[in-house]
Amino acid sequence: MLNKTKDSKYHNFNNYYKKLFPFIFIPTLLIFLLSDSFITNNPFEELEDYGSFFFVIFFSLLMATIVSSVLISLIWTFTKKVH
């Protein structure tokens, strides 16, 4: 198992990040969006409801991107330190 991480096909972080990002980002974004009451229970009766809807979507995109990037960075760091 140690040789598998040492002789990985991803020798630089950019390739690793590009390959792994969608697999972590999409489930994280779905968790953020489906667990938020502004998305699931929004009645869309007033203009403020639309504003809060778009704000929550933008905020969820931002947070899912940050969480995914941190997770990928941690996974990369811990797998590359195993020698």
PDB file of N, CA and C in Angstrom:
ATOM      1  N   MET A   1       0.816  -1.194   0.000  1.00  0.00           N
ATOM      2  CA  MET A   1       0.000   0.000   0.000  1.00  0.00           C
ATOM      3  C   MET A   1       0.853   1.248   0.000  1.00  0.00           C
ATOM      4  N   LEU A   2       1.999   1.200   0.648  1.00  0.00           N
ATOM      5  CA  LEU A   2       2.873   2.361   0.666  1.00  0.00           C
ATOM      6  C   LEU A   2       3.432   2.650  -0.715  1.00  0.00           C
ATOM      7  N   ASN A   3       3.731   1.608  -1.487  1.00  0.00           N
ATOM      8  CA  ASN A   3       4.245   1.819  -2.831  1.00  0.00           C
ATOM      9  C   ASN A   3       3.186   2.394  -3.758  1.00  0.00           C
ATOM     10  N   LYS A   4       1.949   2.074  -3.498  1.00  0.00           N
ATOM     11  CA  LYS A   4       0.876   2.593  -4.339  1.00  0.00           C
ATOM     12  C   LYS A   4       0.785   4.108  -4.238  1.00  0.00           C
ATOM     13  N   THR A   5       0.902   4.666  -3.039  1.00  0.00           N
ATOM     14  CA  THR A   5       0.823   6.116  -2.898  1.00  0.00           C
ATOM     15  C   THR A   5       2.124   6.786  -3.322  1.00  0.00           C
ATOM     16  N   LYS A   6       3.227   6.096  -3.149  1.00  0.00           N
ATOM     17  CA  LYS A   6       4.506   6.682  -3.528  1.00  0.00           C
ATOM     18  C   LYS A   6       4.657   6.732  -5.045  1.00  0.00           C
ATOM     19  N   ASP A   7       4.254   5.693  -5.737  1.00  0.00           N
ATOM     20  CA  ASP A   7       4.377   5.623  -7.192  1.00  0.00           C
ATOM     21  C   ASP A   7       3.060   5.957  -7.876  1.00  0.00           C
ATOM     22  N   SER A   8       2.388   6.929  -7.381  1.00  0.00           N
ATOM     23  CA  SER A   8       1.093   7.317  -7.919  1.00  0.00           C
ATOM     24  C   SER A   8       1.252   7.929  -9.304  1.00  0.00           C
ATOM     25  N   LYS A   9       0.194   7.872 -10.101  1.00  0.00           N
ATOM     26  CA  LYS A   9       0.258   8.473 -11.436  1.00  0.00           C
ATOM     27  C   LYS A   9       0.113   9.991 -11.386  1.00  0.00           C
ATOM     28  N   TYR A  10      -0.251  10.541 -10.249  1.00  0.00           N
ATOM     29  CA  TYR A  10      -0.373  11.983 -10.087  1.00  0.00           C
ATOM     30  C   TYR A  10       0.869  12.508  -9.373  1.00  0.00           C
ATOM     31  N   HIS A  11       1.787  13.053 -10.129  1.00  0.00           N
ATOM     32  CA  HIS A  11       3.022  13.535  -9.540  1.00  0.00           C
ATOM     33  C   HIS A  11       2.954  15.022  -9.198  1.00  0.00           C
ATOM     34  N   ASN A  12       2.014  15.721  -9.771  1.00  0.00           N
ATOM     35  CA  ASN A  12       1.865  17.124  -9.379  1.00  0.00           C
ATOM     36  C   ASN A  12       0.444  17.376  -8.890  1.00  0.00           C
ATOM     37  N   PHE A  13       0.314  18.401  -8.110  1.00  0.00           N
ATOM     38  CA  PHE A  13      -0.947  18.692  -7.436  1.00  0.00           C
ATOM     39  C   PHE A  13      -2.038  19.139  -8.408  1.00  0.00           C
ATOM     40  N   ASN A  14      -1.672  19.837  -9.479  1.00  0.00           N
ATOM     41  CA  ASN A  14      -2.682  20.354 -10.412  1.00  0.00           C
ATOM     42  C   ASN A  14      -3.475  19.234 -11.075  1.00  0.00           C
ATOM     43  N   ASN A  15      -2.808  18.210 -11.537  1.00  0.00           N
ATOM     44  CA  ASN A  15      -3.522  17.079 -12.150  1.00  0.00           C
ATOM     45  C   ASN A  15      -4.390  16.358 -11.131  1.00  0.00           C
ATOM     46  N   TYR A  16      -3.857  16.173  -9.950  1.00  0.00           N
ATOM     47  CA  TYR A  16      -4.602  15.514  -8.879  1.00  0.00           C
ATOM     48  C   TYR A  16      -5.857  16.310  -8.521  1.00  0.00           C
ATOM     49  N   TYR A  17      -5.707  17.624  -8.415  1.00  0.00           N
ATOM     50  CA  TYR A  17      -6.822  18.491  -8.058  1.00  0.00           C
ATOM     51  C   TYR A  17      -7.910  18.470  -9.128  1.00  0.00           C
ATOM     52  N   LYS A  18      -7.503  18.554 -10.394  1.00  0.00           N
ATOM     53  CA  LYS A  18      -8.475  18.572 -11.493  1.00  0.00           C
ATOM     54  C   LYS A  18      -9.242  17.262 -11.603  1.00  0.00           C
ATOM     55  N   LYS A  19      -8.594  16.164 -11.308  1.00  0.00           N
ATOM     56  CA  LYS A  19      -9.264  14.866 -11.399  1.00  0.00           C
ATOM     57  C   LYS A  19     -10.193  14.599 -10.216  1.00  0.00           C
ATOM     58  N   LEU A  20      -9.817  15.061  -9.040  1.00  0.00           N
ATOM     59  CA  LEU A  20     -10.571  14.727  -7.837  1.00  0.00           C
ATOM     60  C   LEU A  20     -11.645  15.758  -7.485  1.00  0.00           C
ATOM     61  N   PHE A  21     -11.512  16.992  -7.967  1.00  0.00           N
ATOM     62  CA  PHE A  21     -12.423  18.061  -7.558  1.00  0.00           C
ATOM     63  C   PHE A  21     -13.894  17.764  -7.833  1.00  0.00           C
ATOM     64  N   PRO A  22     -14.291  17.323  -9.031  1.00  0.00           N
ATOM     65  CA  PRO A  22     -15.735  17.078  -9.243  1.00  0.00           C
ATOM     66  C   PRO A  22     -16.315  16.001  -8.336  1.00  0.00           C
ATOM     67  N   PHE A  23     -15.496  15.003  -7.981  1.00  0.00           N
ATOM     68  CA  PHE A  23     -15.994  13.910  -7.153  1.00  0.00           C
ATOM     69  C   PHE A  23     -16.226  14.329  -5.694  1.00  0.00           C
ATOM     70  N   ILE A  24     -15.586  15.381  -5.277  1.00  0.00           N
ATOM     71  CA  ILE A  24     -15.801  15.892  -3.921  1.00  0.00           C
ATOM     72  C   ILE A  24     -16.734  17.094  -3.937  1.00  0.00           C
ATOM     73  N   PHE A  25     -16.642  17.936  -4.967  1.00  0.00           N
ATOM     74  CA  PHE A  25     -17.434  19.160  -5.022  1.00  0.00           C
ATOM     75  C   PHE A  25     -18.929  18.891  -5.189  1.00  0.00           C
ATOM     76  N   ILE A  26     -19.299  18.019  -6.093  1.00  0.00           N
ATOM     77  CA  ILE A  26     -20.724  17.798  -6.389  1.00  0.00           C
ATOM     78  C   ILE A  26     -21.473  17.218  -5.183  1.00  0.00           C
ATOM     79  N   PRO A  27     -20.976  16.180  -4.510  1.00  0.00           N
ATOM     80  CA  PRO A  27     -21.706  15.715  -3.315  1.00  0.00           C
ATOM     81  C   PRO A  27     -21.743  16.752  -2.192  1.00  0.00           C
ATOM     82  N   THR A  28     -20.650  17.505  -2.035  1.00  0.00           N
ATOM     83  CA  THR A  28     -20.624  18.542  -1.004  1.00  0.00           C
ATOM     84  C   THR A  28     -21.647  19.621  -1.308  1.00  0.00           C
ATOM     85  N   LEU A  29     -21.736  20.037  -2.567  1.00  0.00           N
ATOM     86  CA  LEU A  29     -22.721  21.054  -2.952  1.00  0.00           C
ATOM     87  C   LEU A  29     -24.147  20.550  -2.754  1.00  0.00           C
ATOM     88  N   LEU A  30     -24.398  19.298  -3.106  1.00  0.00           N
ATOM     89  CA  LEU A  30     -25.738  18.747  -2.907  1.00  0.00           C
ATOM     90  C   LEU A  30     -26.108  18.688  -1.426  1.00  0.00           C
ATOM     91  N   ILE A  31     -25.157  18.354  -0.585  1.00  0.00           N
ATOM     92  CA  ILE A  31     -25.428  18.337   0.858  1.00  0.00           C
ATOM     93  C   ILE A  31     -25.754  19.734   1.351  1.00  0.00           C
ATOM     94  N   PHE A  32     -24.976  20.729   0.913  1.00  0.00           N
ATOM     95  CA  PHE A  32     -25.242  22.107   1.328  1.00  0.00           C
ATOM     96  C   PHE A  32     -26.616  22.580   0.844  1.00  0.00           C
ATOM     97  N   LEU A  33     -26.962  22.292  -0.408  1.00  0.00           N
ATOM     98  CA  LEU A  33     -28.212  22.803  -0.967  1.00  0.00           C
ATOM     99  C   LEU A  33     -29.438  22.081  -0.410  1.00  0.00           C
ATOM    100  N   LEU A  34     -29.361  20.785  -0.261  1.00  0.00           N
ATOM    101  CA  LEU A  34     -30.532  20.030   0.185  1.00  0.00           C
ATOM    102  C   LEU A  34     -30.801  20.161   1.679  1.00  0.00           C
ATOM    103  N   SER A  35     -29.796  20.549   2.437  1.00  0.00           N
ATOM    104  CA  SER A  35     -30.004  20.678   3.872  1.00  0.00           C
ATOM    105  C   SER A  35     -30.386  22.095   4.296  1.00  0.00           C
ATOM    106  N   ASP A  36     -30.474  23.008   3.355  1.00  0.00           N
ATOM    107  CA  ASP A  36     -30.771  24.395   3.689  1.00  0.00           C
ATOM    108  C   ASP A  36     -32.264  24.676   3.532  1.00  0.00           C
ATOM    109  N   SER A  37     -32.865  25.281   4.533  1.00  0.00           N
ATOM    110  CA  SER A  37     -34.308  25.539   4.492  1.00  0.00           C
ATOM    111  C   SER A  37     -34.659  26.668   3.522  1.00  0.00           C
ATOM    112  N   PHE A  38     -33.740  27.565   3.225  1.00  0.00           N
ATOM    113  CA  PHE A  38     -34.014  28.619   2.238  1.00  0.00           C
ATOM    114  C   PHE A  38     -34.215  28.030   0.846  1.00  0.00           C
ATOM    115  N   ILE A  39     -33.626  26.908   0.587  1.00  0.00           N
ATOM    116  CA  ILE A  39     -33.773  26.267  -0.720  1.00  0.00           C
ATOM    117  C   ILE A  39     -35.005  25.367  -0.740  1.00  0.00           C
ATOM    118  N   THR A  40     -35.170  24.534   0.266  1.00  0.00           N
ATOM    119  CA  THR A  40     -36.230  23.528   0.231  1.00  0.00           C
ATOM    120  C   THR A  40     -37.602  24.063   0.627  1.00  0.00           C
ATOM    121  N   ASN A  41     -37.654  25.086   1.507  1.00  0.00           N
ATOM    122  CA  ASN A  41     -38.945  25.585   1.990  1.00  0.00           C
ATOM    123  C   ASN A  41     -39.215  27.035   1.613  1.00  0.00           C
ATOM    124  N   ASN A  42     -38.620  27.522   0.551  1.00  0.00           N
ATOM    125  CA  ASN A  42     -38.796  28.911   0.158  1.00  0.00           C
ATOM    126  C   ASN A  42     -40.116  29.069  -0.601  1.00  0.00           C
ATOM    127  N   PRO A  43     -41.031  29.946  -0.121  1.00  0.00           N
ATOM    128  CA  PRO A  43     -42.333  30.067  -0.777  1.00  0.00           C
ATOM    129  C   PRO A  43     -42.307  30.928  -2.041  1.00  0.00           C
ATOM    130  N   PHE A  44     -41.286  31.751  -2.253  1.00  0.00           N
ATOM    131  CA  PHE A  44     -41.167  32.652  -3.402  1.00  0.00           C
ATOM    132  C   PHE A  44     -42.387  33.552  -3.546  1.00  0.00           C
ATOM    133  N   GLU A  45     -42.806  34.157  -2.440  1.00  0.00           N
ATOM    134  CA  GLU A  45     -43.951  35.061  -2.477  1.00  0.00           C
ATOM    135  C   GLU A  45     -43.543  36.518  -2.617  1.00  0.00           C
ATOM    136  N   GLU A  46     -42.356  36.866  -2.165  1.00  0.00           N
ATOM    137  CA  GLU A  46     -41.893  38.248  -2.224  1.00  0.00           C
ATOM    138  C   GLU A  46     -40.537  38.304  -2.911  1.00  0.00           C
ATOM    139  N   LEU A  47     -40.124  39.520  -3.243  1.00  0.00           N
ATOM    140  CA  LEU A  47     -38.845  39.712  -3.903  1.00  0.00           C
ATOM    141  C   LEU A  47     -37.682  39.311  -2.998  1.00  0.00           C
ATOM    142  N   GLU A  48     -37.855  39.480  -1.692  1.00  0.00           N
ATOM    143  CA  GLU A  48     -36.812  39.085  -0.750  1.00  0.00           C
ATOM    144  C   GLU A  48     -36.559  37.583  -0.769  1.00  0.00           C
ATOM    145  N   ASP A  49     -37.602  36.802  -1.068  1.00  0.00           N
ATOM    146  CA  ASP A  49     -37.432  35.354  -1.150  1.00  0.00           C
ATOM    147  C   ASP A  49     -36.498  34.975  -2.296  1.00  0.00           C
ATOM    148  N   TYR A  50     -36.621  35.660  -3.420  1.00  0.00           N
ATOM    149  CA  TYR A  50     -35.725  35.391  -4.549  1.00  0.00           C
ATOM    150  C   TYR A  50     -34.295  35.809  -4.220  1.00  0.00           C
ATOM    151  N   GLY A  51     -34.151  36.940  -3.549  1.00  0.00           N
ATOM    152  CA  GLY A  51     -32.827  37.402  -3.154  1.00  0.00           C
ATOM    153  C   GLY A  51     -32.152  36.441  -2.194  1.00  0.00           C
ATOM    154  N   SER A  52     -32.897  35.969  -1.213  1.00  0.00           N
ATOM    155  CA  SER A  52     -32.315  35.020  -0.263  1.00  0.00           C
ATOM    156  C   SER A  52     -31.999  33.695  -0.945  1.00  0.00           C
ATOM    157  N   PHE A  53     -32.824  33.287  -1.911  1.00  0.00           N
ATOM    158  CA  PHE A  53     -32.574  32.063  -2.666  1.00  0.00           C
ATOM    159  C   PHE A  53     -31.252  32.141  -3.414  1.00  0.00           C
ATOM    160  N   PHE A  54     -31.022  33.243  -4.147  1.00  0.00           N
ATOM    161  CA  PHE A  54     -29.782  33.392  -4.903  1.00  0.00           C
ATOM    162  C   PHE A  54     -28.575  33.585  -3.995  1.00  0.00           C
ATOM    163  N   PHE A  55     -28.773  34.262  -2.876  1.00  0.00           N
ATOM    164  CA  PHE A  55     -27.672  34.417  -1.924  1.00  0.00           C
ATOM    165  C   PHE A  55     -27.254  33.073  -1.347  1.00  0.00           C
ATOM    166  N   VAL A  56     -28.225  32.250  -0.976  1.00  0.00           N
ATOM    167  CA  VAL A  56     -27.914  30.939  -0.398  1.00  0.00           C
ATOM    168  C   VAL A  56     -27.250  30.040  -1.433  1.00  0.00           C
ATOM    169  N   ILE A  57     -27.678  30.115  -2.691  1.00  0.00           N
ATOM    170  CA  ILE A  57     -27.030  29.319  -3.736  1.00  0.00           C
ATOM    171  C   ILE A  57     -25.588  29.771  -3.921  1.00  0.00           C
ATOM    172  N   PHE A  58     -25.361  31.092  -3.993  1.00  0.00           N
ATOM    173  CA  PHE A  58     -24.007  31.610  -4.157  1.00  0.00           C
ATOM    174  C   PHE A  58     -23.136  31.243  -2.957  1.00  0.00           C
ATOM    175  N   PHE A  59     -23.672  31.399  -1.762  1.00  0.00           N
ATOM    176  CA  PHE A  59     -22.927  31.066  -0.546  1.00  0.00           C
ATOM    177  C   PHE A  59     -22.617  29.567  -0.481  1.00  0.00           C
ATOM    178  N   SER A  60     -23.567  28.741  -0.889  1.00  0.00           N
ATOM    179  CA  SER A  60     -23.337  27.290  -0.903  1.00  0.00           C
ATOM    180  C   SER A  60     -22.264  26.907  -1.913  1.00  0.00           C
ATOM    181  N   LEU A  61     -22.278  27.548  -3.088  1.00  0.00           N
ATOM    182  CA  LEU A  61     -21.228  27.300  -4.078  1.00  0.00           C
ATOM    183  C   LEU A  61     -19.860  27.676  -3.523  1.00  0.00           C
ATOM    184  N   LEU A  62     -19.792  28.823  -2.873  1.00  0.00           N
ATOM    185  CA  LEU A  62     -18.531  29.281  -2.302  1.00  0.00           C
ATOM    186  C   LEU A  62     -18.042  28.328  -1.207  1.00  0.00           C
ATOM    187  N   MET A  63     -18.918  27.955  -0.312  1.00  0.00           N
ATOM    188  CA  MET A  63     -18.521  27.083   0.788  1.00  0.00           C
ATOM    189  C   MET A  63     -18.171  25.674   0.298  1.00  0.00           C
ATOM    190  N   ALA A  64     -18.902  25.150  -0.674  1.00  0.00           N
ATOM    191  CA  ALA A  64     -18.585  23.828  -1.213  1.00  0.00           C
ATOM    192  C   ALA A  64     -17.233  23.849  -1.919  1.00  0.00           C
ATOM    193  N   THR A  65     -16.926  24.942  -2.600  1.00  0.00           N
ATOM    194  CA  THR A  65     -15.621  25.064  -3.244  1.00  0.00           C
ATOM    195  C   THR A  65     -14.501  25.096  -2.218  1.00  0.00           C
ATOM    196  N   ILE A  66     -14.685  25.854  -1.156  1.00  0.00           N
ATOM    197  CA  ILE A  66     -13.663  25.951  -0.114  1.00  0.00           C
ATOM    198  C   ILE A  66     -13.466  24.609   0.592  1.00  0.00           C
ATOM    199  N   VAL A  67     -14.559  23.974   0.970  1.00  0.00           N
ATOM    200  CA  VAL A  67     -14.464  22.692   1.670  1.00  0.00           C
ATOM    201  C   VAL A  67     -13.824  21.630   0.773  1.00  0.00           C
ATOM    202  N   SER A  68     -14.198  21.594  -0.484  1.00  0.00           N
ATOM    203  CA  SER A  68     -13.623  20.620  -1.408  1.00  0.00           C
ATOM    204  C   SER A  68     -12.133  20.853  -1.608  1.00  0.00           C
ATOM    205  N   SER A  69     -11.741  22.106  -1.743  1.00  0.00           N
ATOM    206  CA  SER A  69     -10.327  22.422  -1.931  1.00  0.00           C
ATOM    207  C   SER A  69      -9.499  22.046  -0.712  1.00  0.00           C
ATOM    208  N   VAL A  70     -10.022  22.314   0.459  1.00  0.00           N
ATOM    209  CA  VAL A  70      -9.296  21.960   1.685  1.00  0.00           C
ATOM    210  C   VAL A  70      -9.184  20.441   1.823  1.00  0.00           C
ATOM    211  N   LEU A  71     -10.254  19.721   1.537  1.00  0.00           N
ATOM    212  CA  LEU A  71     -10.206  18.257   1.624  1.00  0.00           C
ATOM    213  C   LEU A  71      -9.211  17.662   0.638  1.00  0.00           C
ATOM    214  N   ILE A  72      -9.203  18.161  -0.586  1.00  0.00           N
ATOM    215  CA  ILE A  72      -8.262  17.660  -1.586  1.00  0.00           C
ATOM    216  C   ILE A  72      -6.833  17.964  -1.167  1.00  0.00           C
ATOM    217  N   SER A  73      -6.610  19.142  -0.638  1.00  0.00           N
ATOM    218  CA  SER A  73      -5.271  19.503  -0.182  1.00  0.00           C
ATOM    219  C   SER A  73      -4.816  18.611   0.970  1.00  0.00           C
ATOM    220  N   LEU A  74      -5.711  18.326   1.898  1.00  0.00           N
ATOM    221  CA  LEU A  74      -5.362  17.439   3.011  1.00  0.00           C
ATOM    222  C   LEU A  74      -5.097  16.014   2.546  1.00  0.00           C
ATOM    223  N   ILE A  75      -5.913  15.521   1.641  1.00  0.00           N
ATOM    224  CA  ILE A  75      -5.707  14.174   1.113  1.00  0.00           C
ATOM    225  C   ILE A  75      -4.364  14.092   0.395  1.00  0.00           C
ATOM    226  N   TRP A  76      -4.055  15.098  -0.417  1.00  0.00           N
ATOM    227  CA  TRP A  76      -2.774  15.136  -1.128  1.00  0.00           C
ATOM    228  C   TRP A  76      -1.603  15.152  -0.141  1.00  0.00           C
ATOM    229  N   THR A  77      -1.712  15.981   0.884  1.00  0.00           N
ATOM    230  CA  THR A  77      -0.626  16.099   1.857  1.00  0.00           C
ATOM    231  C   THR A  77      -0.405  14.797   2.599  1.00  0.00           C
ATOM    232  N   PHE A  78      -1.466  14.172   3.060  1.00  0.00           N
ATOM    233  CA  PHE A  78      -1.307  12.947   3.835  1.00  0.00           C
ATOM    234  C   PHE A  78      -0.867  11.756   2.980  1.00  0.00           C
ATOM    235  N   THR A  79      -1.275  11.686   1.728  1.00  0.00           N
ATOM    236  CA  THR A  79      -0.843  10.566   0.892  1.00  0.00           C
ATOM    237  C   THR A  79       0.580  10.751   0.414  1.00  0.00           C
ATOM    238  N   LYS A  80       1.039  11.961   0.243  1.00  0.00           N
ATOM    239  CA  LYS A  80       2.414  12.190  -0.205  1.00  0.00           C
ATOM    240  C   LYS A  80       3.421  12.086   0.927  1.00  0.00           C
ATOM    241  N   LYS A  81       2.986  12.223   2.170  1.00  0.00           N
ATOM    242  CA  LYS A  81       3.903  12.074   3.294  1.00  0.00           C
ATOM    243  C   LYS A  81       4.167  10.619   3.639  1.00  0.00           C
ATOM    244  N   VAL A  82       3.386   9.711   3.106  1.00  0.00           N
ATOM    245  CA  VAL A  82       3.589   8.290   3.343  1.00  0.00           C
ATOM    246  C   VAL A  82       4.661   7.806   2.372  1.00  0.00           C
ATOM    247  N   HIS A  83       5.845   7.565   2.878  1.00  0.00           N
ATOM    248  CA  HIS A  83       6.952   7.096   2.025  1.00  0.00           C
ATOM    249  C   HIS A  83       7.555   5.863   2.634  1.00  0.00           C
TER     250      HIS A  83
END
